[in-house]
Amino acid sequence: MIVYTPFWETLQQSGETTYTLINNYKISSATIHKLRRNYPITTTTINDLCRILHCGVNQILRYVPSEEDQTL
């Protein structure tokens, strides 16, 4: 399962807010909702967040093994 816990920590340290992401950088409120709920987001969005926050992917998301993962 992909979790976005690192994103919230990075966002807090950056001085940006969800308000500035939505209003200054045009990140949709639906994307913020997905991040809050650990729902899937696109790699394009991950790229945009890395550019905005000047960080690496590991500062946006982390993989955590979970029983909820789909069977392969």
C-alpha atoms as a PDB file:
ATOM      1  CA  MET A   1       0.000   0.000   0.000  1.00  0.00           C
ATOM      2  CA  ILE A   2       1.291   3.449  -0.885  1.00  0.00           C
ATOM      3  CA  VAL A   3       0.953   5.984   1.932  1.00  0.00           C
ATOM      4  CA  TYR A   4       1.483   9.722   1.696  1.00  0.00           C
ATOM      5  CA  THR A   5       2.607  10.346   5.274  1.00  0.00           C
ATOM      6  CA  PRO A   6       5.950  11.737   4.035  1.00  0.00           C
ATOM      7  CA  PHE A   7       4.062  14.257   1.871  1.00  0.00           C
ATOM      8  CA  TRP A   8       2.356  15.836   4.866  1.00  0.00           C
ATOM      9  CA  GLU A   9       5.657  16.104   6.732  1.00  0.00           C
ATOM     10  CA  THR A  10       7.369  17.613   3.675  1.00  0.00           C
ATOM     11  CA  LEU A  11       4.481  20.021   3.100  1.00  0.00           C
ATOM     12  CA  GLN A  12       4.666  21.250   6.684  1.00  0.00           C
ATOM     13  CA  GLN A  13       8.429  21.811   6.456  1.00  0.00           C
ATOM     14  CA  SER A  14       8.158  23.589   3.094  1.00  0.00           C
ATOM     15  CA  GLY A  15       6.079  26.515   4.263  1.00  0.00           C
ATOM     16  CA  GLU A  16       3.451  25.713   1.624  1.00  0.00           C
ATOM     17  CA  THR A  17      -0.113  24.762   2.560  1.00  0.00           C
ATOM     18  CA  THR A  18      -2.924  22.886   0.890  1.00  0.00           C
ATOM     19  CA  TYR A  19      -4.396  26.334   0.170  1.00  0.00           C
ATOM     20  CA  THR A  20      -1.292  27.434  -1.752  1.00  0.00           C
ATOM     21  CA  LEU A  21      -1.107  24.106  -3.578  1.00  0.00           C
ATOM     22  CA  ILE A  22      -4.687  24.557  -4.763  1.00  0.00           C
ATOM     23  CA  ASN A  23      -4.651  28.294  -5.478  1.00  0.00           C
ATOM     24  CA  ASN A  24      -1.071  28.998  -6.562  1.00  0.00           C
ATOM     25  CA  TYR A  25      -0.089  25.705  -8.184  1.00  0.00           C
ATOM     26  CA  LYS A  26      -3.481  24.452  -9.415  1.00  0.00           C
ATOM     27  CA  ILE A  27      -3.313  21.118  -7.571  1.00  0.00           C
ATOM     28  CA  SER A  28      -6.957  20.047  -7.404  1.00  0.00           C
ATOM     29  CA  SER A  29      -8.848  19.691  -4.154  1.00  0.00           C
ATOM     30  CA  ALA A  30      -9.672  16.161  -5.334  1.00  0.00           C
ATOM     31  CA  THR A  31      -5.940  15.382  -5.360  1.00  0.00           C
ATOM     32  CA  ILE A  32      -5.573  16.733  -1.820  1.00  0.00           C
ATOM     33  CA  HIS A  33      -8.476  14.479  -0.824  1.00  0.00           C
ATOM     34  CA  LYS A  34      -6.713  11.476  -2.408  1.00  0.00           C
ATOM     35  CA  LEU A  35      -3.504  12.291  -0.538  1.00  0.00           C
ATOM     36  CA  ARG A  36      -5.400  12.487   2.757  1.00  0.00           C
ATOM     37  CA  ARG A  37      -7.022   9.091   2.151  1.00  0.00           C
ATOM     38  CA  ASN A  38      -3.965   7.347   0.621  1.00  0.00           C
ATOM     39  CA  TYR A  39      -5.850   6.862  -2.645  1.00  0.00           C
ATOM     40  CA  PRO A  40      -3.852   6.448  -5.873  1.00  0.00           C
ATOM     41  CA  ILE A  41      -2.566   9.549  -7.662  1.00  0.00           C
ATOM     42  CA  THR A  42      -0.790   9.805 -11.002  1.00  0.00           C
ATOM     43  CA  THR A  43       2.941   9.901 -11.499  1.00  0.00           C
ATOM     44  CA  THR A  44       2.426  13.273 -13.181  1.00  0.00           C
ATOM     45  CA  THR A  45       0.969  14.601  -9.928  1.00  0.00           C
ATOM     46  CA  ILE A  46       3.838  13.093  -7.941  1.00  0.00           C
ATOM     47  CA  ASN A  47       6.256  14.817 -10.333  1.00  0.00           C
ATOM     48  CA  ASP A  48       4.429  18.139  -9.885  1.00  0.00           C
ATOM     49  CA  LEU A  49       4.515  17.836  -6.086  1.00  0.00           C
ATOM     50  CA  CYS A  50       8.244  17.052  -6.153  1.00  0.00           C
ATOM     51  CA  ARG A  51       8.861  20.149  -8.296  1.00  0.00           C
ATOM     52  CA  ILE A  52       6.704  22.389  -6.104  1.00  0.00           C
ATOM     53  CA  LEU A  53       8.180  21.157  -2.831  1.00  0.00           C
ATOM     54  CA  HIS A  54      11.761  20.743  -4.164  1.00  0.00           C
ATOM     55  CA  CYS A  55      12.012  17.180  -2.920  1.00  0.00           C
ATOM     56  CA  GLY A  56      12.416  13.568  -3.996  1.00  0.00           C
ATOM     57  CA  VAL A  57       9.715  10.941  -4.413  1.00  0.00           C
ATOM     58  CA  ASN A  58      10.642   9.402  -1.052  1.00  0.00           C
ATOM     59  CA  GLN A  59       9.532  12.662   0.557  1.00  0.00           C
ATOM     60  CA  ILE A  60       6.080  12.299  -1.026  1.00  0.00           C
ATOM     61  CA  LEU A  61       5.222   8.626  -0.608  1.00  0.00           C
ATOM     62  CA  ARG A  62       6.269   5.353   0.974  1.00  0.00           C
ATOM     63  CA  TYR A  63       5.337   1.727   0.292  1.00  0.00           C
ATOM     64  CA  VAL A  64       4.045  -0.187   3.300  1.00  0.00           C
ATOM     65  CA  PRO A  65       3.153  -3.897   2.856  1.00  0.00           C
ATOM     66  CA  SER A  66      -0.489  -4.439   3.699  1.00  0.00           C
ATOM     67  CA  GLU A  67      -3.091  -7.185   3.873  1.00  0.00           C
ATOM     68  CA  GLU A  68      -5.286  -4.844   1.797  1.00  0.00           C
ATOM     69  CA  ASP A  69      -2.984  -5.105  -1.226  1.00  0.00           C
ATOM     70  CA  GLN A  70      -4.537  -6.895  -4.180  1.00  0.00           C
ATOM     71  CA  THR A  71      -3.560 -10.482  -4.806  1.00  0.00           C
ATOM     72  CA  LEU A  72      -0.981 -10.914  -7.559  1.00  0.00           C
END
